[in-house]
Amino acid sequence: MAKRGGFPGGGMPGNMNNLMKQAQRMQRQMEENQKEMENKEFTSKSGGGAVTVTVNGSKEVKSVTIAPEAVDPDDVEMLQDMIVAAVNEALKQVDEANAAAMNRMTGGLGGFGF
């Protein structure tokens, strides 16, 4: 009866070792990227610069700046909308930076879902 499988000795130790080394290297890169991202800041503006929001790579809001002319007691909703828009855009920048870093690490594979 013919032996099934294409690996001598029934295993793949050389390939498995390489795969483990690659996985460990990728894990180190991911940890380094995480630390680097925590220190990065992402800033977004809305309302023509009336509202500026800065977040860090951990998605923590670090600062919100509101131009005095943006404060209209008769139109608080507009100010709220500008803040929400600026925060969402800054958080989107964090996600895009994370995706770009992951893409660099995986060589464009988009993760491990082969």
PDB file of N, CA and C in Angstrom:
ATOM      1  N   MET A   1       0.846  -1.175   0.000  1.00  0.00           N
ATOM      2  CA  MET A   1       0.000   0.000   0.000  1.00  0.00           C
ATOM      3  C   MET A   1       0.887   1.232   0.000  1.00  0.00           C
ATOM      4  N   ALA A   2       0.491   2.200  -0.802  1.00  0.00           N
ATOM      5  CA  ALA A   2       1.279   3.422  -0.933  1.00  0.00           C
ATOM      6  C   ALA A   2       1.125   4.284   0.317  1.00  0.00           C
ATOM      7  N   LYS A   3       2.217   4.908   0.664  1.00  0.00           N
ATOM      8  CA  LYS A   3       2.216   5.806   1.824  1.00  0.00           C
ATOM      9  C   LYS A   3       1.598   7.141   1.419  1.00  0.00           C
ATOM     10  N   ARG A   4       0.674   7.653   2.228  1.00  0.00           N
ATOM     11  CA  ARG A   4       0.020   8.918   1.914  1.00  0.00           C
ATOM     12  C   ARG A   4       0.784  10.071   2.524  1.00  0.00           C
ATOM     13  N   GLY A   5       0.628  11.225   1.892  1.00  0.00           N
ATOM     14  CA  GLY A   5       1.296  12.416   2.416  1.00  0.00           C
ATOM     15  C   GLY A   5       2.580  12.664   1.664  1.00  0.00           C
ATOM     16  N   GLY A   6       2.987  13.879   1.623  1.00  0.00           N
ATOM     17  CA  GLY A   6       4.168  14.227   0.858  1.00  0.00           C
ATOM     18  C   GLY A   6       5.364  14.579   1.717  1.00  0.00           C
ATOM     19  N   PHE A   7       5.355  14.199   2.975  1.00  0.00           N
ATOM     20  CA  PHE A   7       6.453  14.554   3.870  1.00  0.00           C
ATOM     21  C   PHE A   7       7.193  13.311   4.304  1.00  0.00           C
ATOM     22  N   PRO A   8       8.498  13.269   4.073  1.00  0.00           N
ATOM     23  CA  PRO A   8       9.278  12.107   4.496  1.00  0.00           C
ATOM     24  C   PRO A   8       9.178  11.920   6.005  1.00  0.00           C
ATOM     25  N   GLY A   9       8.993  10.697   6.394  1.00  0.00           N
ATOM     26  CA  GLY A   9       8.929  10.409   7.826  1.00  0.00           C
ATOM     27  C   GLY A   9       7.581  10.763   8.426  1.00  0.00           C
ATOM     28  N   GLY A  10       6.637  11.186   7.615  1.00  0.00           N
ATOM     29  CA  GLY A  10       5.290  11.450   8.102  1.00  0.00           C
ATOM     30  C   GLY A  10       5.123  12.783   8.804  1.00  0.00           C
ATOM     31  N   GLY A  11       6.135  13.614   8.849  1.00  0.00           N
ATOM     32  CA  GLY A  11       6.013  14.889   9.545  1.00  0.00           C
ATOM     33  C   GLY A  11       6.610  16.007   8.723  1.00  0.00           C
ATOM     34  N   MET A  12       6.641  17.184   9.320  1.00  0.00           N
ATOM     35  CA  MET A  12       7.228  18.320   8.615  1.00  0.00           C
ATOM     36  C   MET A  12       7.995  19.195   9.588  1.00  0.00           C
ATOM     37  N   PRO A  13       9.013  18.631  10.226  1.00  0.00           N
ATOM     38  CA  PRO A  13       9.717  19.404  11.247  1.00  0.00           C
ATOM     39  C   PRO A  13      10.392  20.662  10.729  1.00  0.00           C
ATOM     40  N   GLY A  14      10.986  20.626   9.542  1.00  0.00           N
ATOM     41  CA  GLY A  14      11.654  21.811   9.008  1.00  0.00           C
ATOM     42  C   GLY A  14      10.667  22.930   8.735  1.00  0.00           C
ATOM     43  N   ASN A  15       9.578  22.588   8.099  1.00  0.00           N
ATOM     44  CA  ASN A  15       8.566  23.586   7.787  1.00  0.00           C
ATOM     45  C   ASN A  15       7.905  24.114   9.065  1.00  0.00           C
ATOM     46  N   MET A  16       7.678  23.240  10.005  1.00  0.00           N
ATOM     47  CA  MET A  16       7.027  23.649  11.262  1.00  0.00           C
ATOM     48  C   MET A  16       7.928  24.595  12.035  1.00  0.00           C
ATOM     49  N   ASN A  17       9.230  24.316  12.067  1.00  0.00           N
ATOM     50  CA  ASN A  17      10.161  25.206  12.750  1.00  0.00           C
ATOM     51  C   ASN A  17      10.165  26.591  12.111  1.00  0.00           C
ATOM     52  N   ASN A  18      10.191  26.627  10.780  1.00  0.00           N
ATOM     53  CA  ASN A  18      10.158  27.912  10.082  1.00  0.00           C
ATOM     54  C   ASN A  18       8.864  28.660  10.371  1.00  0.00           C
ATOM     55  N   LEU A  19       7.770  27.926  10.380  1.00  0.00           N
ATOM     56  CA  LEU A  19       6.481  28.541  10.660  1.00  0.00           C
ATOM     57  C   LEU A  19       6.441  29.106  12.079  1.00  0.00           C
ATOM     58  N   MET A  20       6.978  28.381  13.023  1.00  0.00           N
ATOM     59  CA  MET A  20       7.010  28.856  14.417  1.00  0.00           C
ATOM     60  C   MET A  20       7.892  30.096  14.543  1.00  0.00           C
ATOM     61  N   LYS A  21       9.027  30.103  13.861  1.00  0.00           N
ATOM     62  CA  LYS A  21       9.911  31.270  13.894  1.00  0.00           C
ATOM     63  C   LYS A  21       9.226  32.491  13.290  1.00  0.00           C
ATOM     64  N   GLN A  22       8.520  32.290  12.200  1.00  0.00           N
ATOM     65  CA  GLN A  22       7.798  33.397  11.572  1.00  0.00           C
ATOM     66  C   GLN A  22       6.707  33.922  12.496  1.00  0.00           C
ATOM     67  N   ALA A  23       5.999  33.014  13.152  1.00  0.00           N
ATOM     68  CA  ALA A  23       4.932  33.421  14.074  1.00  0.00           C
ATOM     69  C   ALA A  23       5.506  34.197  15.257  1.00  0.00           C
ATOM     70  N   GLN A  24       6.635  33.755  15.782  1.00  0.00           N
ATOM     71  CA  GLN A  24       7.271  34.467  16.896  1.00  0.00           C
ATOM     72  C   GLN A  24       7.757  35.839  16.450  1.00  0.00           C
ATOM     73  N   ARG A  25       8.325  35.925  15.259  1.00  0.00           N
ATOM     74  CA  ARG A  25       8.794  37.196  14.735  1.00  0.00           C
ATOM     75  C   ARG A  25       7.610  38.154  14.544  1.00  0.00           C
ATOM     76  N   MET A  26       6.517  37.643  14.008  1.00  0.00           N
ATOM     77  CA  MET A  26       5.337  38.472  13.802  1.00  0.00           C
ATOM     78  C   MET A  26       4.763  38.934  15.147  1.00  0.00           C
ATOM     79  N   GLN A  27       4.779  38.062  16.146  1.00  0.00           N
ATOM     80  CA  GLN A  27       4.284  38.448  17.467  1.00  0.00           C
ATOM     81  C   GLN A  27       5.139  39.574  18.053  1.00  0.00           C
ATOM     82  N   ARG A  28       6.461  39.480  17.909  1.00  0.00           N
ATOM     83  CA  ARG A  28       7.342  40.552  18.383  1.00  0.00           C
ATOM     84  C   ARG A  28       7.055  41.849  17.644  1.00  0.00           C
ATOM     85  N   GLN A  29       6.870  41.761  16.341  1.00  0.00           N
ATOM     86  CA  GLN A  29       6.562  42.955  15.553  1.00  0.00           C
ATOM     87  C   GLN A  29       5.238  43.568  15.990  1.00  0.00           C
ATOM     88  N   MET A  30       4.252  42.728  16.269  1.00  0.00           N
ATOM     89  CA  MET A  30       2.957  43.235  16.710  1.00  0.00           C
ATOM     90  C   MET A  30       3.079  43.934  18.062  1.00  0.00           C
ATOM     91  N   GLU A  31       3.864  43.377  18.963  1.00  0.00           N
ATOM     92  CA  GLU A  31       4.075  44.001  20.267  1.00  0.00           C
ATOM     93  C   GLU A  31       4.797  45.339  20.121  1.00  0.00           C
ATOM     94  N   GLU A  32       5.798  45.377  19.253  1.00  0.00           N
ATOM     95  CA  GLU A  32       6.521  46.632  19.009  1.00  0.00           C
ATOM     96  C   GLU A  32       5.593  47.669  18.397  1.00  0.00           C
ATOM     97  N   ASN A  33       4.763  47.235  17.462  1.00  0.00           N
ATOM     98  CA  ASN A  33       3.812  48.145  16.828  1.00  0.00           C
ATOM     99  C   ASN A  33       2.827  48.691  17.856  1.00  0.00           C
ATOM    100  N   GLN A  34       2.365  47.826  18.754  1.00  0.00           N
ATOM    101  CA  GLN A  34       1.420  48.258  19.794  1.00  0.00           C
ATOM    102  C   GLN A  34       2.053  49.344  20.669  1.00  0.00           C
ATOM    103  N   LYS A  35       3.286  49.135  21.086  1.00  0.00           N
ATOM    104  CA  LYS A  35       3.968  50.128  21.913  1.00  0.00           C
ATOM    105  C   LYS A  35       4.160  51.434  21.152  1.00  0.00           C
ATOM    106  N   GLU A  36       4.536  51.310  19.881  1.00  0.00           N
ATOM    107  CA  GLU A  36       4.738  52.498  19.055  1.00  0.00           C
ATOM    108  C   GLU A  36       3.422  53.261  18.873  1.00  0.00           C
ATOM    109  N   MET A  37       2.350  52.533  18.655  1.00  0.00           N
ATOM    110  CA  MET A  37       1.037  53.166  18.451  1.00  0.00           C
ATOM    111  C   MET A  37       0.565  53.892  19.711  1.00  0.00           C
ATOM    112  N   GLU A  38       0.867  53.343  20.879  1.00  0.00           N
ATOM    113  CA  GLU A  38       0.444  53.980  22.124  1.00  0.00           C
ATOM    114  C   GLU A  38       1.029  55.375  22.267  1.00  0.00           C
ATOM    115  N   ASN A  39       2.203  55.585  21.694  1.00  0.00           N
ATOM    116  CA  ASN A  39       2.874  56.873  21.803  1.00  0.00           C
ATOM    117  C   ASN A  39       2.526  57.840  20.674  1.00  0.00           C
ATOM    118  N   LYS A  40       1.897  57.346  19.626  1.00  0.00           N
ATOM    119  CA  LYS A  40       1.524  58.211  18.507  1.00  0.00           C
ATOM    120  C   LYS A  40       0.266  58.984  18.855  1.00  0.00           C
ATOM    121  N   GLU A  41       0.155  60.163  18.261  1.00  0.00           N
ATOM    122  CA  GLU A  41      -1.050  60.962  18.432  1.00  0.00           C
ATOM    123  C   GLU A  41      -1.654  61.247  17.066  1.00  0.00           C
ATOM    124  N   PHE A  42      -2.977  61.272  17.019  1.00  0.00           N
ATOM    125  CA  PHE A  42      -3.732  61.492  15.797  1.00  0.00           C
ATOM    126  C   PHE A  42      -4.672  62.660  16.046  1.00  0.00           C
ATOM    127  N   THR A  43      -4.627  63.641  15.173  1.00  0.00           N
ATOM    128  CA  THR A  43      -5.413  64.860  15.351  1.00  0.00           C
ATOM    129  C   THR A  43      -6.363  65.035  14.185  1.00  0.00           C
ATOM    130  N   SER A  44      -7.573  65.438  14.515  1.00  0.00           N
ATOM    131  CA  SER A  44      -8.578  65.695  13.494  1.00  0.00           C
ATOM    132  C   SER A  44      -9.294  66.989  13.816  1.00  0.00           C
ATOM    133  N   LYS A  45      -9.735  67.671  12.769  1.00  0.00           N
ATOM    134  CA  LYS A  45     -10.464  68.931  12.933  1.00  0.00           C
ATOM    135  C   LYS A  45     -11.811  68.824  12.244  1.00  0.00           C
ATOM    136  N   SER A  46     -12.775  69.578  12.748  1.00  0.00           N
ATOM    137  CA  SER A  46     -14.067  69.661  12.085  1.00  0.00           C
ATOM    138  C   SER A  46     -14.572  71.091  12.185  1.00  0.00           C
ATOM    139  N   GLY A  47     -15.620  71.377  11.432  1.00  0.00           N
ATOM    140  CA  GLY A  47     -16.166  72.725  11.457  1.00  0.00           C
ATOM    141  C   GLY A  47     -15.178  73.752  10.957  1.00  0.00           C
ATOM    142  N   GLY A  48     -14.388  73.380   9.960  1.00  0.00           N
ATOM    143  CA  GLY A  48     -13.401  74.311   9.427  1.00  0.00           C
ATOM    144  C   GLY A  48     -12.313  74.659  10.425  1.00  0.00           C
ATOM    145  N   GLY A  49     -12.029  73.763  11.345  1.00  0.00           N
ATOM    146  CA  GLY A  49     -10.992  73.990  12.354  1.00  0.00           C
ATOM    147  C   GLY A  49     -11.541  74.525  13.664  1.00  0.00           C
ATOM    148  N   ALA A  50     -12.863  74.631  13.772  1.00  0.00           N
ATOM    149  CA  ALA A  50     -13.468  75.138  15.010  1.00  0.00           C
ATOM    150  C   ALA A  50     -13.286  74.165  16.165  1.00  0.00           C
ATOM    151  N   VAL A  51     -13.214  72.874  15.853  1.00  0.00           N
ATOM    152  CA  VAL A  51     -13.015  71.842  16.875  1.00  0.00           C
ATOM    153  C   VAL A  51     -11.830  70.994  16.456  1.00  0.00           C
ATOM    154  N   THR A  52     -10.898  70.804  17.378  1.00  0.00           N
ATOM    155  CA  THR A  52      -9.732  69.953  17.147  1.00  0.00           C
ATOM    156  C   THR A  52      -9.679  68.905  18.247  1.00  0.00           C
ATOM    157  N   VAL A  53      -9.525  67.642  17.843  1.00  0.00           N
ATOM    158  CA  VAL A  53      -9.466  66.532  18.792  1.00  0.00           C
ATOM    159  C   VAL A  53      -8.184  65.755  18.536  1.00  0.00           C
ATOM    160  N   THR A  54      -7.493  65.409  19.611  1.00  0.00           N
ATOM    161  CA  THR A  54      -6.296  64.584  19.525  1.00  0.00           C
ATOM    162  C   THR A  54      -6.507  63.333  20.359  1.00  0.00           C
ATOM    163  N   VAL A  55      -6.234  62.174  19.735  1.00  0.00           N
ATOM    164  CA  VAL A  55      -6.311  60.893  20.440  1.00  0.00           C
ATOM    165  C   VAL A  55      -4.964  60.204  20.297  1.00  0.00           C
ATOM    166  N   ASN A  56      -4.688  59.251  21.191  1.00  0.00           N
ATOM    167  CA  ASN A  56      -3.463  58.471  21.046  1.00  0.00           C
ATOM    168  C   ASN A  56      -3.799  57.139  20.382  1.00  0.00           C
ATOM    169  N   GLY A  57      -2.793  56.348  20.129  1.00  0.00           N
ATOM    170  CA  GLY A  57      -2.972  55.068  19.458  1.00  0.00           C
ATOM    171  C   GLY A  57      -3.768  54.055  20.243  1.00  0.00           C
ATOM    172  N   SER A  58      -3.982  54.319  21.521  1.00  0.00           N
ATOM    173  CA  SER A  58      -4.828  53.463  22.354  1.00  0.00           C
ATOM    174  C   SER A  58      -6.273  53.932  22.342  1.00  0.00           C
ATOM    175  N   LYS A  59      -6.569  54.894  21.483  1.00  0.00           N
ATOM    176  CA  LYS A  59      -7.906  55.456  21.315  1.00  0.00           C
ATOM    177  C   LYS A  59      -8.398  56.199  22.552  1.00  0.00           C
ATOM    178  N   GLU A  60      -7.465  56.820  23.254  1.00  0.00           N
ATOM    179  CA  GLU A  60      -7.812  57.672  24.386  1.00  0.00           C
ATOM    180  C   GLU A  60      -7.784  59.119  23.903  1.00  0.00           C
ATOM    181  N   VAL A  61      -8.849  59.860  24.219  1.00  0.00           N
ATOM    182  CA  VAL A  61      -8.889  61.270  23.843  1.00  0.00           C
ATOM    183  C   VAL A  61      -7.909  62.011  24.737  1.00  0.00           C
ATOM    184  N   LYS A  62      -6.941  62.675  24.104  1.00  0.00           N
ATOM    185  CA  LYS A  62      -5.922  63.407  24.859  1.00  0.00           C
ATOM    186  C   LYS A  62      -6.271  64.883  25.009  1.00  0.00           C
ATOM    187  N   SER A  63      -6.922  65.456  23.993  1.00  0.00           N
ATOM    188  CA  SER A  63      -7.298  66.861  24.100  1.00  0.00           C
ATOM    189  C   SER A  63      -8.434  67.188  23.145  1.00  0.00           C
ATOM    190  N   VAL A  64      -9.209  68.184  23.548  1.00  0.00           N
ATOM    191  CA  VAL A  64     -10.269  68.747  22.714  1.00  0.00           C
ATOM    192  C   VAL A  64     -10.109  70.261  22.789  1.00  0.00           C
ATOM    193  N   THR A  65      -9.982  70.891  21.624  1.00  0.00           N
ATOM    194  CA  THR A  65      -9.860  72.342  21.569  1.00  0.00           C
ATOM    195  C   THR A  65     -11.056  72.885  20.792  1.00  0.00           C
ATOM    196  N   ILE A  66     -11.711  73.871  21.387  1.00  0.00           N
ATOM    197  CA  ILE A  66     -12.887  74.474  20.764  1.00  0.00           C
ATOM    198  C   ILE A  66     -12.631  75.963  20.597  1.00  0.00           C
ATOM    199  N   ALA A  67     -12.733  76.424  19.360  1.00  0.00           N
ATOM    200  CA  ALA A  67     -12.554  77.849  19.088  1.00  0.00           C
ATOM    201  C   ALA A  67     -13.719  78.619  19.717  1.00  0.00           C
ATOM    202  N   PRO A  68     -13.447  79.755  20.334  1.00  0.00           N
ATOM    203  CA  PRO A  68     -14.507  80.538  20.991  1.00  0.00           C
ATOM    204  C   PRO A  68     -15.692  80.844  20.077  1.00  0.00           C
ATOM    205  N   GLU A  69     -15.423  81.091  18.801  1.00  0.00           N
ATOM    206  CA  GLU A  69     -16.525  81.414  17.897  1.00  0.00           C
ATOM    207  C   GLU A  69     -17.431  80.216  17.603  1.00  0.00           C
ATOM    208  N   ALA A  70     -16.986  79.017  17.970  1.00  0.00           N
ATOM    209  CA  ALA A  70     -17.808  77.824  17.763  1.00  0.00           C
ATOM    210  C   ALA A  70     -18.842  77.643  18.868  1.00  0.00           C
ATOM    211  N   VAL A  71     -18.704  78.404  19.939  1.00  0.00           N
ATOM    212  CA  VAL A  71     -19.615  78.274  21.077  1.00  0.00           C
ATOM    213  C   VAL A  71     -20.775  79.249  20.888  1.00  0.00           C
ATOM    214  N   ASP A  72     -21.891  78.689  20.472  1.00  0.00           N
ATOM    215  CA  ASP A  72     -23.114  79.473  20.281  1.00  0.00           C
ATOM    216  C   ASP A  72     -24.183  78.872  21.187  1.00  0.00           C
ATOM    217  N   PRO A  73     -24.563  79.583  22.256  1.00  0.00           N
ATOM    218  CA  PRO A  73     -25.547  79.038  23.186  1.00  0.00           C
ATOM    219  C   PRO A  73     -26.877  78.682  22.524  1.00  0.00           C
ATOM    220  N   ASP A  74     -27.153  79.286  21.381  1.00  0.00           N
ATOM    221  CA  ASP A  74     -28.397  78.995  20.684  1.00  0.00           C
ATOM    222  C   ASP A  74     -28.280  77.804  19.738  1.00  0.00           C
ATOM    223  N   ASP A  75     -27.076  77.270  19.580  1.00  0.00           N
ATOM    224  CA  ASP A  75     -26.878  76.135  18.669  1.00  0.00           C
ATOM    225  C   ASP A  75     -25.863  75.153  19.253  1.00  0.00           C
ATOM    226  N   VAL A  76     -26.175  74.620  20.412  1.00  0.00           N
ATOM    227  CA  VAL A  76     -25.294  73.663  21.086  1.00  0.00           C
ATOM    228  C   VAL A  76     -25.169  72.381  20.266  1.00  0.00           C
ATOM    229  N   GLU A  77     -26.215  71.999  19.571  1.00  0.00           N
ATOM    230  CA  GLU A  77     -26.180  70.765  18.782  1.00  0.00           C
ATOM    231  C   GLU A  77     -25.100  70.799  17.706  1.00  0.00           C
ATOM    232  N   MET A  78     -24.892  71.951  17.116  1.00  0.00           N
ATOM    233  CA  MET A  78     -23.853  72.072  16.087  1.00  0.00           C
ATOM    234  C   MET A  78     -22.479  71.795  16.696  1.00  0.00           C
ATOM    235  N   LEU A  79     -22.211  72.343  17.860  1.00  0.00           N
ATOM    236  CA  LEU A  79     -20.939  72.109  18.542  1.00  0.00           C
ATOM    237  C   LEU A  79     -20.790  70.634  18.881  1.00  0.00           C
ATOM    238  N   GLN A  80     -21.844  70.029  19.384  1.00  0.00           N
ATOM    239  CA  GLN A  80     -21.795  68.600  19.705  1.00  0.00           C
ATOM    240  C   GLN A  80     -21.485  67.774  18.463  1.00  0.00           C
ATOM    241  N   ASP A  81     -22.123  68.112  17.352  1.00  0.00           N
ATOM    242  CA  ASP A  81     -21.881  67.384  16.100  1.00  0.00           C
ATOM    243  C   ASP A  81     -20.438  67.531  15.638  1.00  0.00           C
ATOM    244  N   MET A  82     -19.882  68.730  15.785  1.00  0.00           N
ATOM    245  CA  MET A  82     -18.495  68.949  15.378  1.00  0.00           C
ATOM    246  C   MET A  82     -17.542  68.130  16.246  1.00  0.00           C
ATOM    247  N   ILE A  83     -17.824  68.040  17.542  1.00  0.00           N
ATOM    248  CA  ILE A  83     -16.968  67.249  18.437  1.00  0.00           C
ATOM    249  C   ILE A  83     -17.032  65.775  18.055  1.00  0.00           C
ATOM    250  N   VAL A  84     -18.243  65.270  17.848  1.00  0.00           N
ATOM    251  CA  VAL A  84     -18.405  63.864  17.472  1.00  0.00           C
ATOM    252  C   VAL A  84     -17.677  63.584  16.156  1.00  0.00           C
ATOM    253  N   ALA A  85     -17.825  64.474  15.170  1.00  0.00           N
ATOM    254  CA  ALA A  85     -17.173  64.277  13.878  1.00  0.00           C
ATOM    255  C   ALA A  85     -15.654  64.250  14.019  1.00  0.00           C
ATOM    256  N   ALA A  86     -15.106  65.154  14.813  1.00  0.00           N
ATOM    257  CA  ALA A  86     -13.652  65.215  14.984  1.00  0.00           C
ATOM    258  C   ALA A  86     -13.135  63.971  15.717  1.00  0.00           C
ATOM    259  N   VAL A  87     -13.849  63.534  16.748  1.00  0.00           N
ATOM    260  CA  VAL A  87     -13.436  62.334  17.490  1.00  0.00           C
ATOM    261  C   VAL A  87     -13.480  61.118  16.574  1.00  0.00           C
ATOM    262  N   ASN A  88     -14.571  60.957  15.841  1.00  0.00           N
ATOM    263  CA  ASN A  88     -14.694  59.793  14.960  1.00  0.00           C
ATOM    264  C   ASN A  88     -13.617  59.773  13.890  1.00  0.00           C
ATOM    265  N   GLU A  89     -13.278  60.919  13.343  1.00  0.00           N
ATOM    266  CA  GLU A  89     -12.235  60.980  12.319  1.00  0.00           C
ATOM    267  C   GLU A  89     -10.865  60.630  12.918  1.00  0.00           C
ATOM    268  N   ALA A  90     -10.584  61.113  14.104  1.00  0.00           N
ATOM    269  CA  ALA A  90      -9.304  60.791  14.752  1.00  0.00           C
ATOM    270  C   ALA A  90      -9.212  59.292  15.048  1.00  0.00           C
ATOM    271  N   LEU A  91     -10.309  58.694  15.512  1.00  0.00           N
ATOM    272  CA  LEU A  91     -10.319  57.256  15.784  1.00  0.00           C
ATOM    273  C   LEU A  91     -10.163  56.459  14.490  1.00  0.00           C
ATOM    274  N   LYS A  92     -10.725  56.948  13.412  1.00  0.00           N
ATOM    275  CA  LYS A  92     -10.568  56.305  12.113  1.00  0.00           C
ATOM    276  C   LYS A  92      -9.098  56.323  11.693  1.00  0.00           C
ATOM    277  N   GLN A  93      -8.403  57.416  11.976  1.00  0.00           N
ATOM    278  CA  GLN A  93      -6.978  57.512  11.655  1.00  0.00           C
ATOM    279  C   GLN A  93      -6.182  56.447  12.408  1.00  0.00           C
ATOM    280  N   VAL A  94      -6.550  56.207  13.672  1.00  0.00           N
ATOM    281  CA  VAL A  94      -5.874  55.170  14.468  1.00  0.00           C
ATOM    282  C   VAL A  94      -6.095  53.803  13.810  1.00  0.00           C
ATOM    283  N   ASP A  95      -7.343  53.515  13.455  1.00  0.00           N
ATOM    284  CA  ASP A  95      -7.644  52.230  12.818  1.00  0.00           C
ATOM    285  C   ASP A  95      -6.882  52.053  11.515  1.00  0.00           C
ATOM    286  N   GLU A  96      -6.806  53.116  10.718  1.00  0.00           N
ATOM    287  CA  GLU A  96      -6.082  53.042   9.450  1.00  0.00           C
ATOM    288  C   GLU A  96      -4.590  52.824   9.671  1.00  0.00           C
ATOM    289  N   ALA A  97      -4.028  53.468  10.685  1.00  0.00           N
ATOM    290  CA  ALA A  97      -2.601  53.282  10.984  1.00  0.00           C
ATOM    291  C   ALA A  97      -2.340  51.852  11.452  1.00  0.00           C
ATOM    292  N   ASN A  98      -3.239  51.312  12.257  1.00  0.00           N
ATOM    293  CA  ASN A  98      -3.103  49.921  12.706  1.00  0.00           C
ATOM    294  C   ASN A  98      -3.208  48.963  11.527  1.00  0.00           C
ATOM    295  N   ALA A  99      -4.158  49.196  10.636  1.00  0.00           N
ATOM    296  CA  ALA A  99      -4.331  48.331   9.470  1.00  0.00           C
ATOM    297  C   ALA A  99      -3.098  48.393   8.563  1.00  0.00           C
ATOM    298  N   ALA A 100      -2.541  49.582   8.387  1.00  0.00           N
ATOM    299  CA  ALA A 100      -1.344  49.724   7.557  1.00  0.00           C
ATOM    300  C   ALA A 100      -0.165  48.976   8.173  1.00  0.00           C
ATOM    301  N   ALA A 101      -0.024  49.066   9.480  1.00  0.00           N
ATOM    302  CA  ALA A 101       1.067  48.358  10.154  1.00  0.00           C
ATOM    303  C   ALA A 101       0.884  46.849  10.034  1.00  0.00           C
ATOM    304  N   MET A 102      -0.337  46.381  10.178  1.00  0.00           N
ATOM    305  CA  MET A 102      -0.610  44.949  10.055  1.00  0.00           C
ATOM    306  C   MET A 102      -0.339  44.486   8.622  1.00  0.00           C
ATOM    307  N   ASN A 103      -0.703  45.312   7.666  1.00  0.00           N
ATOM    308  CA  ASN A 103      -0.467  44.985   6.265  1.00  0.00           C
ATOM    309  C   ASN A 103       1.030  44.850   5.980  1.00  0.00           C
ATOM    310  N   ARG A 104       1.828  45.748   6.587  1.00  0.00           N
ATOM    311  CA  ARG A 104       3.285  45.663   6.410  1.00  0.00           C
ATOM    312  C   ARG A 104       3.821  44.370   7.011  1.00  0.00           C
ATOM    313  N   MET A 105       3.287  43.965   8.155  1.00  0.00           N
ATOM    314  CA  MET A 105       3.796  42.760   8.827  1.00  0.00           C
ATOM    315  C   MET A 105       3.401  41.481   8.094  1.00  0.00           C
ATOM    316  N   THR A 106       2.195  41.460   7.549  1.00  0.00           N
ATOM    317  CA  THR A 106       1.712  40.235   6.906  1.00  0.00           C
ATOM    318  C   THR A 106       2.019  40.203   5.426  1.00  0.00           C
ATOM    319  N   GLY A 107       2.644  41.251   4.933  1.00  0.00           N
ATOM    320  CA  GLY A 107       2.989  41.291   3.519  1.00  0.00           C
ATOM    321  C   GLY A 107       1.769  41.382   2.619  1.00  0.00           C
ATOM    322  N   GLY A 108       0.700  41.980   3.138  1.00  0.00           N
ATOM    323  CA  GLY A 108      -0.495  42.177   2.335  1.00  0.00           C
ATOM    324  C   GLY A 108      -1.442  40.996   2.344  1.00  0.00           C
ATOM    325  N   LEU A 109      -1.187  40.005   3.192  1.00  0.00           N
ATOM    326  CA  LEU A 109      -2.078  38.861   3.243  1.00  0.00           C
ATOM    327  C   LEU A 109      -3.391  39.155   3.936  1.00  0.00           C
ATOM    328  N   GLY A 110      -3.444  40.221   4.723  1.00  0.00           N
ATOM    329  CA  GLY A 110      -4.684  40.570   5.406  1.00  0.00           C
ATOM    330  C   GLY A 110      -4.973  39.688   6.591  1.00  0.00           C
ATOM    331  N   GLY A 111      -3.969  39.151   7.216  1.00  0.00           N
ATOM    332  CA  GLY A 111      -4.190  38.295   8.388  1.00  0.00           C
ATOM    333  C   GLY A 111      -3.866  36.862   8.029  1.00  0.00           C
ATOM    334  N   PHE A 112      -4.423  35.959   8.807  1.00  0.00           N
ATOM    335  CA  PHE A 112      -4.114  34.544   8.616  1.00  0.00           C
ATOM    336  C   PHE A 112      -5.246  33.765   7.956  1.00  0.00           C
ATOM    337  N   GLY A 113      -6.311  34.418   7.534  1.00  0.00           N
ATOM    338  CA  GLY A 113      -7.412  33.713   6.913  1.00  0.00           C
ATOM    339  C   GLY A 113      -7.102  33.342   5.475  1.00  0.00           C
ATOM    340  N   PHE A 114      -6.304  32.319   5.275  1.00  0.00           N
ATOM    341  CA  PHE A 114      -5.863  31.926   3.929  1.00  0.00           C
ATOM    342  C   PHE A 114      -7.016  31.356   3.152  1.00  0.00           C
TER     343      PHE A 114
END
